[in-house]
C-alpha atoms as a PDB file:
ATOM      1  CA  MET A   1      -0.496  41.743 -13.975  1.00  0.00           C
ATOM      2  CA  ALA A   2      -1.331  38.040 -14.183  1.00  0.00           C
ATOM      3  CA  GLN A   3       1.188  35.507 -13.236  1.00  0.00           C
ATOM      4  CA  ILE A   4       2.026  32.708 -15.514  1.00  0.00           C
ATOM      5  CA  PRO A   5       2.348  29.440 -13.521  1.00  0.00           C
ATOM      6  CA  ALA A   6       5.727  27.852 -13.666  1.00  0.00           C
ATOM      7  CA  SER A   7       5.994  24.357 -15.080  1.00  0.00           C
ATOM      8  CA  SER A   8       6.716  23.041 -11.496  1.00  0.00           C
ATOM      9  CA  ASP A   9       3.397  24.574 -10.400  1.00  0.00           C
ATOM     10  CA  ARG A  10       1.610  22.727 -13.272  1.00  0.00           C
ATOM     11  CA  GLN A  11       3.394  19.548 -12.336  1.00  0.00           C
ATOM     12  CA  PHE A  12       2.395  19.928  -8.618  1.00  0.00           C
ATOM     13  CA  SER A  13      -1.180  20.464  -9.684  1.00  0.00           C
ATOM     14  CA  ALA A  14      -1.160  17.331 -11.850  1.00  0.00           C
ATOM     15  CA  ASP A  15       0.511  15.271  -9.023  1.00  0.00           C
ATOM     16  CA  THR A  16      -2.088  16.494  -6.587  1.00  0.00           C
ATOM     17  CA  LYS A  17      -4.920  15.433  -8.892  1.00  0.00           C
ATOM     18  CA  ILE A  18      -3.378  11.983  -9.377  1.00  0.00           C
ATOM     19  CA  TRP A  19      -2.807  11.469  -5.667  1.00  0.00           C
ATOM     20  CA  TYR A  20      -6.473  12.490  -4.994  1.00  0.00           C
ATOM     21  CA  SER A  21      -7.661   9.958  -7.607  1.00  0.00           C
ATOM     22  CA  LEU A  22      -5.489   7.205  -6.161  1.00  0.00           C
ATOM     23  CA  LYS A  23      -6.529   7.967  -2.612  1.00  0.00           C
ATOM     24  CA  CYS A  24     -10.174   7.766  -3.642  1.00  0.00           C
ATOM     25  CA  ALA A  25      -9.684   4.439  -5.406  1.00  0.00           C
ATOM     26  CA  ILE A  26      -7.628   2.946  -2.515  1.00  0.00           C
ATOM     27  CA  SER A  27     -10.058   4.042   0.045  1.00  0.00           C
ATOM     28  CA  THR A  28     -13.036   2.406  -1.596  1.00  0.00           C
ATOM     29  CA  SER A  29     -11.128  -0.951  -2.182  1.00  0.00           C
ATOM     30  CA  SER A  30     -12.219  -3.967  -0.154  1.00  0.00           C
ATOM     31  CA  GLY A  31      -8.590  -4.557   0.975  1.00  0.00           C
ATOM     32  CA  PHE A  32      -8.392  -1.039   2.421  1.00  0.00           C
ATOM     33  CA  GLN A  33     -11.797  -1.310   4.085  1.00  0.00           C
ATOM     34  CA  ARG A  34     -10.784  -4.694   5.620  1.00  0.00           C
ATOM     35  CA  TRP A  35      -7.599  -3.182   6.813  1.00  0.00           C
ATOM     36  CA  GLN A  36      -9.513  -0.318   8.453  1.00  0.00           C
ATOM     37  CA  LEU A  37     -11.789  -2.781  10.268  1.00  0.00           C
ATOM     38  CA  GLU A  38      -8.792  -4.660  11.647  1.00  0.00           C
ATOM     39  CA  ARG A  39      -7.316  -1.454  13.024  1.00  0.00           C
ATOM     40  CA  ASP A  40     -10.431   0.348  14.103  1.00  0.00           C
ATOM     41  CA  THR A  41      -9.231   1.708  17.431  1.00  0.00           C
ATOM     42  CA  GLN A  42      -5.730   2.580  16.073  1.00  0.00           C
ATOM     43  CA  LEU A  43      -7.092   4.689  13.317  1.00  0.00           C
ATOM     44  CA  GLN A  44      -9.615   6.871  15.233  1.00  0.00           C
ATOM     45  CA  GLY A  45      -8.904  10.558  14.707  1.00  0.00           C
ATOM     46  CA  ILE A  46      -6.539   9.985  11.829  1.00  0.00           C
ATOM     47  CA  ARG A  47      -7.296  11.681   8.599  1.00  0.00           C
ATOM     48  CA  LEU A  48      -8.185   9.530   5.523  1.00  0.00           C
ATOM     49  CA  GLU A  49      -5.000  10.702   3.685  1.00  0.00           C
ATOM     50  CA  GLN A  50      -2.832   9.493   6.594  1.00  0.00           C
ATOM     51  CA  GLN A  51      -4.754   6.187   6.738  1.00  0.00           C
ATOM     52  CA  VAL A  52      -4.148   5.586   3.039  1.00  0.00           C
ATOM     53  CA  GLN A  53      -0.366   6.383   3.506  1.00  0.00           C
ATOM     54  CA  ARG A  54      -0.198   3.997   6.413  1.00  0.00           C
ATOM     55  CA  TYR A  55      -1.979   1.299   4.469  1.00  0.00           C
ATOM     56  CA  LEU A  56       0.210   1.673   1.506  1.00  0.00           C
ATOM     57  CA  ARG A  57       3.355   1.573   3.690  1.00  0.00           C
ATOM     58  CA  GLU A  58       2.210  -1.518   5.516  1.00  0.00           C
ATOM     59  CA  THR A  59       1.210  -3.243   2.303  1.00  0.00           C
ATOM     60  CA  LEU A  60       4.485  -2.522   0.640  1.00  0.00           C
ATOM     61  CA  GLU A  61       6.400  -3.766   3.729  1.00  0.00           C
ATOM     62  CA  THR A  62       4.427  -6.951   3.622  1.00  0.00           C
ATOM     63  CA  LEU A  63       5.173  -7.427  -0.026  1.00  0.00           C
ATOM     64  CA  ALA A  64       8.906  -6.765   0.451  1.00  0.00           C
ATOM     65  CA  TYR A  65       9.115  -9.258   3.218  1.00  0.00           C
END
């Protein structure tokens, strides 16, 4: 019998697609690429997703300051 996805499953899928699109857009931005160059040795071995999360956190902390 086929399972019908719950609304929370559909929302998770939509959220995943949105995050993927945002991650792609951020990772190709000049600000992100400059940030990567400044932290080259600190970012080695870290997945792109983690880099984007760190970039967003640092950017928001700077803006909040």
